[in-house]
Structures are given as C-alpha cells and as structure tokens.
Amino acid sequence: MPDPHLERARRICLALPEAMEKEAWGNPTFRIRKRLFAMYHNNHHGDGRIALWLNAPPGVQRMLVEAEPERFFVPPYMGPSGWVGLHLDRCEDTEVEMHVLQSYRMVAPKKLLALLDGAPG
C-alpha cells in the first residue's frame, strides 16, 4: 500500500539536483552522492511519528524544538549532531521544502549549489 507521506518526502527531496534515494537502516534516506541530507521514518521504533529527519545548521534544532515541539523534535541517533525531526503530518509543503533545502545546502558541493541558484557553470 502506498505511503503518501513517503511519496511527499520523495517528491520534495528528489527534486533537488543529483539527489538520490537509498535505503539504509531499513528506511529511505536521501543523499547527494554519498552525503546524507534527509531520512524518512514512519513510526520509528514505535514512536508514532511520521517524520523527516534533516541536517540543520548550528542552533536551528534547539530553536525549532523549543518554539514548536508539536511539529519538531530531536531525533534519536542524529540529534546529538544537530539534526532535527520534522513531523510530516503537521507541516505544510512549503515549510518542508524550506527545511529540506536548508539540509541539502549543508552537504551539497559548490557546483550543485551554483546549479541550484542558477549561476552559470
């Protein structure tokens, strides 16, 4: 049975230059080359969350989780590295896209960032 939340995550993540999906740890992950920028989890170890885990700049995880704990959380394993969990079922596409793009920008090589920004070459 198709998972509409996973399909939504795929649509958003795979729209970025050279983004690819790879299963790891039993879940879909999204990468640029070998660098991870997003992980999809549906009920990870029974936590009841439908979520996308995303890389975040320093301080962003804490700011989001403190401001809106009903929509953001500190994910296990990746949380100590600053990653943030986003409840897919509680966020609109534009917000998900913004956070995915921020995560992508943290790991994308300069050439892909230039392509994303419409710069020549």
N, C-alpha and C. Protein backbone atom coordinates (compact mmCIF):
# COMPACT_ATOMS: atom_id res chain seq x y z
N MET A 1 0.84 -1.17 0.00
CA MET A 1 0.00 0.00 0.00
C MET A 1 0.90 1.25 0.00
N PRO A 2 0.65 2.18 -0.91
CA PRO A 2 1.50 3.37 -0.99
C PRO A 2 1.42 4.21 0.29
N ASP A 3 2.53 4.82 0.63
CA ASP A 3 2.63 5.69 1.79
C ASP A 3 2.66 7.13 1.27
N PRO A 4 1.58 7.90 1.42
CA PRO A 4 1.54 9.26 0.88
C PRO A 4 2.58 10.19 1.50
N HIS A 5 2.95 9.95 2.74
CA HIS A 5 3.97 10.78 3.38
C HIS A 5 5.35 10.51 2.79
N LEU A 6 5.64 9.24 2.51
CA LEU A 6 6.90 8.90 1.87
C LEU A 6 6.93 9.47 0.45
N GLU A 7 5.83 9.36 -0.26
CA GLU A 7 5.77 9.91 -1.62
C GLU A 7 6.00 11.42 -1.59
N ARG A 8 5.46 12.07 -0.61
CA ARG A 8 5.66 13.52 -0.45
C ARG A 8 7.13 13.83 -0.19
N ALA A 9 7.76 13.08 0.71
CA ALA A 9 9.18 13.27 1.01
C ALA A 9 10.01 13.03 -0.24
N ARG A 10 9.70 11.98 -0.98
CA ARG A 10 10.43 11.70 -2.23
C ARG A 10 10.29 12.85 -3.22
N ARG A 11 9.07 13.32 -3.40
CA ARG A 11 8.82 14.40 -4.37
C ARG A 11 9.66 15.63 -4.02
N ILE A 12 9.71 15.98 -2.76
CA ILE A 12 10.44 17.17 -2.32
C ILE A 12 11.95 16.96 -2.38
N CYS A 13 12.42 15.85 -1.85
CA CYS A 13 13.87 15.60 -1.80
C CYS A 13 14.47 15.34 -3.17
N LEU A 14 13.79 14.54 -3.97
CA LEU A 14 14.36 14.15 -5.26
C LEU A 14 14.24 15.24 -6.33
N ALA A 15 13.58 16.33 -6.02
CA ALA A 15 13.50 17.46 -6.94
C ALA A 15 14.81 18.26 -6.97
N LEU A 16 15.69 18.02 -6.01
CA LEU A 16 16.94 18.76 -5.90
C LEU A 16 18.02 18.14 -6.79
N PRO A 17 18.93 18.94 -7.32
CA PRO A 17 19.96 18.43 -8.24
C PRO A 17 20.76 17.27 -7.65
N GLU A 18 20.82 16.20 -8.42
CA GLU A 18 21.57 14.98 -8.11
C GLU A 18 21.14 14.26 -6.85
N ALA A 19 20.01 14.62 -6.28
CA ALA A 19 19.53 13.91 -5.09
C ALA A 19 19.13 12.50 -5.48
N MET A 20 19.39 11.57 -4.60
CA MET A 20 19.04 10.18 -4.84
C MET A 20 18.51 9.56 -3.55
N GLU A 21 17.77 8.48 -3.72
CA GLU A 21 17.24 7.75 -2.57
C GLU A 21 18.01 6.46 -2.40
N LYS A 22 18.31 6.14 -1.16
CA LYS A 22 18.99 4.88 -0.86
C LYS A 22 18.45 4.37 0.47
N GLU A 23 18.10 3.09 0.51
CA GLU A 23 17.64 2.52 1.78
C GLU A 23 18.84 2.26 2.67
N ALA A 24 18.70 2.67 3.93
CA ALA A 24 19.74 2.43 4.92
C ALA A 24 19.06 2.30 6.27
N TRP A 25 19.54 1.38 7.07
CA TRP A 25 18.97 1.14 8.40
C TRP A 25 17.48 0.84 8.31
N GLY A 26 17.05 0.25 7.19
CA GLY A 26 15.66 -0.14 7.00
C GLY A 26 14.72 0.99 6.62
N ASN A 27 15.27 2.16 6.30
CA ASN A 27 14.44 3.32 5.95
C ASN A 27 14.98 4.04 4.73
N PRO A 28 14.11 4.75 4.02
CA PRO A 28 14.58 5.56 2.89
C PRO A 28 15.43 6.74 3.39
N THR A 29 16.57 6.94 2.76
CA THR A 29 17.40 8.10 3.04
C THR A 29 17.59 8.84 1.73
N PHE A 30 17.89 10.11 1.83
CA PHE A 30 18.08 10.94 0.65
C PHE A 30 19.47 11.55 0.74
N ARG A 31 20.18 11.48 -0.40
CA ARG A 31 21.59 11.83 -0.41
C ARG A 31 21.97 12.60 -1.67
N ILE A 32 23.12 13.26 -1.56
CA ILE A 32 23.81 13.82 -2.71
C ILE A 32 25.12 13.06 -2.75
N ARG A 33 25.26 12.29 -3.81
CA ARG A 33 26.42 11.41 -3.90
C ARG A 33 26.39 10.52 -2.66
N LYS A 34 27.33 10.61 -1.78
CA LYS A 34 27.31 9.75 -0.59
C LYS A 34 26.92 10.51 0.67
N ARG A 35 26.59 11.78 0.54
CA ARG A 35 26.32 12.61 1.71
C ARG A 35 24.82 12.66 2.01
N LEU A 36 24.48 12.30 3.21
CA LEU A 36 23.10 12.21 3.68
C LEU A 36 22.54 13.59 4.03
N PHE A 37 21.31 13.89 3.53
CA PHE A 37 20.69 15.14 3.93
C PHE A 37 19.28 14.95 4.49
N ALA A 38 18.68 13.78 4.33
CA ALA A 38 17.35 13.55 4.89
C ALA A 38 17.12 12.06 5.09
N MET A 39 16.32 11.73 6.12
CA MET A 39 15.93 10.36 6.40
C MET A 39 14.43 10.35 6.69
N TYR A 40 13.73 9.38 6.10
CA TYR A 40 12.29 9.25 6.33
C TYR A 40 12.05 8.15 7.36
N HIS A 41 11.17 8.43 8.31
CA HIS A 41 10.79 7.43 9.31
C HIS A 41 9.29 7.47 9.54
N ASN A 42 8.68 6.30 9.54
CA ASN A 42 7.27 6.16 9.85
C ASN A 42 7.16 5.22 11.04
N ASN A 43 6.87 5.79 12.20
CA ASN A 43 6.73 5.02 13.43
C ASN A 43 8.04 4.34 13.84
N HIS A 44 9.11 5.12 13.82
CA HIS A 44 10.44 4.62 14.17
C HIS A 44 10.44 4.03 15.58
N HIS A 45 10.68 2.73 15.67
CA HIS A 45 10.68 2.02 16.95
C HIS A 45 9.43 2.31 17.78
N GLY A 46 8.29 2.46 17.09
CA GLY A 46 7.02 2.65 17.78
C GLY A 46 6.79 4.04 18.36
N ASP A 47 7.50 5.05 17.84
CA ASP A 47 7.34 6.40 18.40
C ASP A 47 6.09 7.12 17.90
N GLY A 48 5.39 6.56 16.92
CA GLY A 48 4.15 7.14 16.42
C GLY A 48 4.33 8.33 15.50
N ARG A 49 5.56 8.68 15.17
CA ARG A 49 5.82 9.84 14.33
C ARG A 49 5.94 9.46 12.86
N ILE A 50 5.41 10.32 12.01
CA ILE A 50 5.66 10.26 10.57
C ILE A 50 6.57 11.44 10.31
N ALA A 51 7.85 11.17 10.08
CA ALA A 51 8.82 12.25 10.15
C ALA A 51 9.90 12.19 9.09
N LEU A 52 10.47 13.35 8.88
CA LEU A 52 11.67 13.50 8.08
C LEU A 52 12.72 14.05 9.02
N TRP A 53 13.86 13.37 9.08
CA TRP A 53 14.98 13.84 9.88
C TRP A 53 15.90 14.60 8.95
N LEU A 54 16.29 15.82 9.34
CA LEU A 54 17.07 16.69 8.47
C LEU A 54 18.27 17.29 9.18
N ASN A 55 19.34 17.43 8.43
CA ASN A 55 20.51 18.13 8.91
C ASN A 55 20.12 19.59 9.11
N ALA A 56 20.64 20.22 10.13
CA ALA A 56 20.29 21.61 10.41
C ALA A 56 21.53 22.39 10.84
N PRO A 57 21.58 23.67 10.50
CA PRO A 57 22.71 24.49 10.93
C PRO A 57 22.76 24.57 12.46
N PRO A 58 23.93 24.90 13.01
CA PRO A 58 24.06 25.02 14.46
C PRO A 58 23.00 25.95 15.05
N GLY A 59 22.37 25.50 16.11
CA GLY A 59 21.39 26.30 16.82
C GLY A 59 19.96 26.18 16.32
N VAL A 60 19.78 25.72 15.08
CA VAL A 60 18.43 25.65 14.49
C VAL A 60 17.60 24.57 15.17
N GLN A 61 18.19 23.42 15.42
CA GLN A 61 17.45 22.34 16.07
C GLN A 61 16.83 22.82 17.38
N ARG A 62 17.63 23.40 18.22
CA ARG A 62 17.15 23.86 19.53
C ARG A 62 16.06 24.92 19.37
N MET A 63 16.28 25.86 18.46
CA MET A 63 15.30 26.93 18.24
C MET A 63 13.94 26.36 17.81
N LEU A 64 13.96 25.44 16.84
CA LEU A 64 12.71 24.87 16.33
C LEU A 64 12.00 24.03 17.38
N VAL A 65 12.76 23.17 18.07
CA VAL A 65 12.16 22.27 19.06
C VAL A 65 11.58 23.06 20.23
N GLU A 66 12.28 24.08 20.67
CA GLU A 66 11.77 24.89 21.78
C GLU A 66 10.56 25.71 21.37
N ALA A 67 10.57 26.25 20.14
CA ALA A 67 9.47 27.11 19.68
C ALA A 67 8.22 26.32 19.32
N GLU A 68 8.40 25.14 18.72
CA GLU A 68 7.25 24.37 18.23
C GLU A 68 7.44 22.86 18.45
N PRO A 69 7.42 22.42 19.69
CA PRO A 69 7.67 21.00 19.98
C PRO A 69 6.59 20.06 19.42
N GLU A 70 5.44 20.58 19.05
CA GLU A 70 4.41 19.74 18.45
C GLU A 70 4.72 19.45 16.98
N ARG A 71 5.66 20.19 16.38
CA ARG A 71 6.00 19.98 14.97
C ARG A 71 7.44 19.55 14.75
N PHE A 72 8.32 19.81 15.72
CA PHE A 72 9.74 19.48 15.60
C PHE A 72 10.22 18.74 16.83
N PHE A 73 11.22 17.89 16.66
CA PHE A 73 11.77 17.12 17.77
C PHE A 73 13.22 16.80 17.51
N VAL A 74 13.90 16.37 18.56
CA VAL A 74 15.29 15.93 18.45
C VAL A 74 15.25 14.44 18.13
N PRO A 75 15.71 14.06 16.94
CA PRO A 75 15.64 12.64 16.57
C PRO A 75 16.73 11.82 17.27
N PRO A 76 16.42 10.55 17.55
CA PRO A 76 17.45 9.70 18.14
C PRO A 76 18.61 9.52 17.16
N TYR A 77 19.76 9.18 17.66
CA TYR A 77 20.97 8.91 16.89
C TYR A 77 21.55 10.17 16.25
N MET A 78 20.76 10.89 15.46
CA MET A 78 21.24 12.05 14.70
C MET A 78 21.09 13.36 15.47
N GLY A 79 20.25 13.37 16.47
CA GLY A 79 20.00 14.59 17.25
C GLY A 79 21.24 15.20 17.86
N PRO A 80 22.14 14.39 18.46
CA PRO A 80 23.35 14.99 19.04
C PRO A 80 24.23 15.71 18.01
N SER A 81 24.04 15.40 16.73
CA SER A 81 24.80 16.07 15.66
C SER A 81 24.07 17.29 15.13
N GLY A 82 22.96 17.65 15.75
CA GLY A 82 22.24 18.85 15.35
C GLY A 82 21.08 18.62 14.39
N TRP A 83 20.82 17.38 14.03
CA TRP A 83 19.71 17.10 13.13
C TRP A 83 18.39 17.40 13.84
N VAL A 84 17.37 17.70 13.04
CA VAL A 84 16.05 18.00 13.59
C VAL A 84 15.03 17.07 12.93
N GLY A 85 14.07 16.62 13.73
CA GLY A 85 12.97 15.83 13.22
C GLY A 85 11.78 16.72 12.93
N LEU A 86 11.17 16.53 11.79
CA LEU A 86 10.03 17.33 11.36
C LEU A 86 8.84 16.39 11.17
N HIS A 87 7.73 16.66 11.84
CA HIS A 87 6.52 15.86 11.69
C HIS A 87 5.90 16.17 10.33
N LEU A 88 5.97 15.25 9.40
CA LEU A 88 5.43 15.49 8.06
C LEU A 88 3.93 15.72 8.07
N ASP A 89 3.24 15.09 8.99
CA ASP A 89 1.79 15.21 9.03
C ASP A 89 1.33 16.50 9.73
N ARG A 90 2.28 17.34 10.14
CA ARG A 90 1.93 18.59 10.84
C ARG A 90 2.54 19.82 10.17
N CYS A 91 3.19 19.64 9.02
CA CYS A 91 3.84 20.75 8.33
C CYS A 91 3.38 20.81 6.88
N GLU A 92 3.20 22.01 6.39
CA GLU A 92 2.82 22.24 5.00
C GLU A 92 4.01 22.02 4.07
N ASP A 93 3.73 21.78 2.80
CA ASP A 93 4.79 21.54 1.82
C ASP A 93 5.83 22.65 1.80
N THR A 94 5.41 23.89 1.82
CA THR A 94 6.37 24.99 1.71
C THR A 94 7.38 24.97 2.87
N GLU A 95 6.92 24.62 4.05
CA GLU A 95 7.83 24.54 5.20
C GLU A 95 8.76 23.33 5.08
N VAL A 96 8.21 22.19 4.66
CA VAL A 96 9.04 21.00 4.47
C VAL A 96 10.11 21.30 3.41
N GLU A 97 9.70 21.91 2.31
CA GLU A 97 10.64 22.25 1.23
C GLU A 97 11.76 23.16 1.74
N MET A 98 11.42 24.14 2.55
CA MET A 98 12.41 25.07 3.08
C MET A 98 13.45 24.34 3.95
N HIS A 99 12.99 23.45 4.82
CA HIS A 99 13.91 22.74 5.70
C HIS A 99 14.73 21.70 4.93
N VAL A 100 14.13 21.05 3.95
CA VAL A 100 14.88 20.10 3.11
C VAL A 100 15.96 20.84 2.34
N LEU A 101 15.61 21.97 1.77
CA LEU A 101 16.59 22.76 1.02
C LEU A 101 17.74 23.21 1.92
N GLN A 102 17.44 23.62 3.12
CA GLN A 102 18.48 24.03 4.07
C GLN A 102 19.42 22.85 4.36
N SER A 103 18.87 21.68 4.55
CA SER A 103 19.67 20.49 4.82
C SER A 103 20.52 20.13 3.60
N TYR A 104 19.91 20.18 2.43
CA TYR A 104 20.61 19.89 1.17
C TYR A 104 21.81 20.84 1.01
N ARG A 105 21.58 22.12 1.26
CA ARG A 105 22.64 23.12 1.11
C ARG A 105 23.82 22.85 2.04
N MET A 106 23.58 22.20 3.15
CA MET A 106 24.66 21.93 4.10
C MET A 106 25.64 20.88 3.59
N VAL A 107 25.20 20.02 2.67
CA VAL A 107 26.08 18.94 2.21
C VAL A 107 26.39 18.98 0.72
N ALA A 108 25.68 19.81 -0.04
CA ALA A 108 25.88 19.86 -1.49
C ALA A 108 27.22 20.50 -1.85
N PRO A 109 27.88 19.95 -2.87
CA PRO A 109 29.11 20.60 -3.34
C PRO A 109 28.79 21.94 -4.01
N LYS A 110 29.79 22.80 -4.09
CA LYS A 110 29.60 24.15 -4.64
C LYS A 110 29.01 24.12 -6.05
N LYS A 111 29.41 23.16 -6.85
CA LYS A 111 28.89 23.07 -8.22
C LYS A 111 27.37 22.87 -8.23
N LEU A 112 26.88 22.04 -7.35
CA LEU A 112 25.43 21.81 -7.28
C LEU A 112 24.71 23.01 -6.68
N LEU A 113 25.33 23.69 -5.74
CA LEU A 113 24.72 24.89 -5.18
C LEU A 113 24.60 25.96 -6.25
N ALA A 114 25.63 26.08 -7.09
CA ALA A 114 25.59 27.04 -8.20
C ALA A 114 24.47 26.68 -9.17
N LEU A 115 24.33 25.41 -9.46
CA LEU A 115 23.25 24.95 -10.34
C LEU A 115 21.89 25.26 -9.72
N LEU A 116 21.76 25.01 -8.45
CA LEU A 116 20.51 25.27 -7.73
C LEU A 116 20.17 26.75 -7.74
N ASP A 117 21.19 27.59 -7.62
CA ASP A 117 20.99 29.04 -7.57
C ASP A 117 20.94 29.69 -8.94
N GLY A 118 21.10 28.87 -10.00
CA GLY A 118 21.01 29.40 -11.35
C GLY A 118 22.25 30.11 -11.83
N ALA A 119 23.37 29.90 -11.13
CA ALA A 119 24.62 30.53 -11.56
C ALA A 119 25.20 29.76 -12.75
N PRO A 120 25.86 30.45 -13.67
CA PRO A 120 26.47 29.75 -14.81
C PRO A 120 27.60 28.83 -14.36
N GLY A 121 27.74 27.74 -15.10
CA GLY A 121 28.85 26.82 -14.86
C GLY A 121 28.59 25.89 -13.75
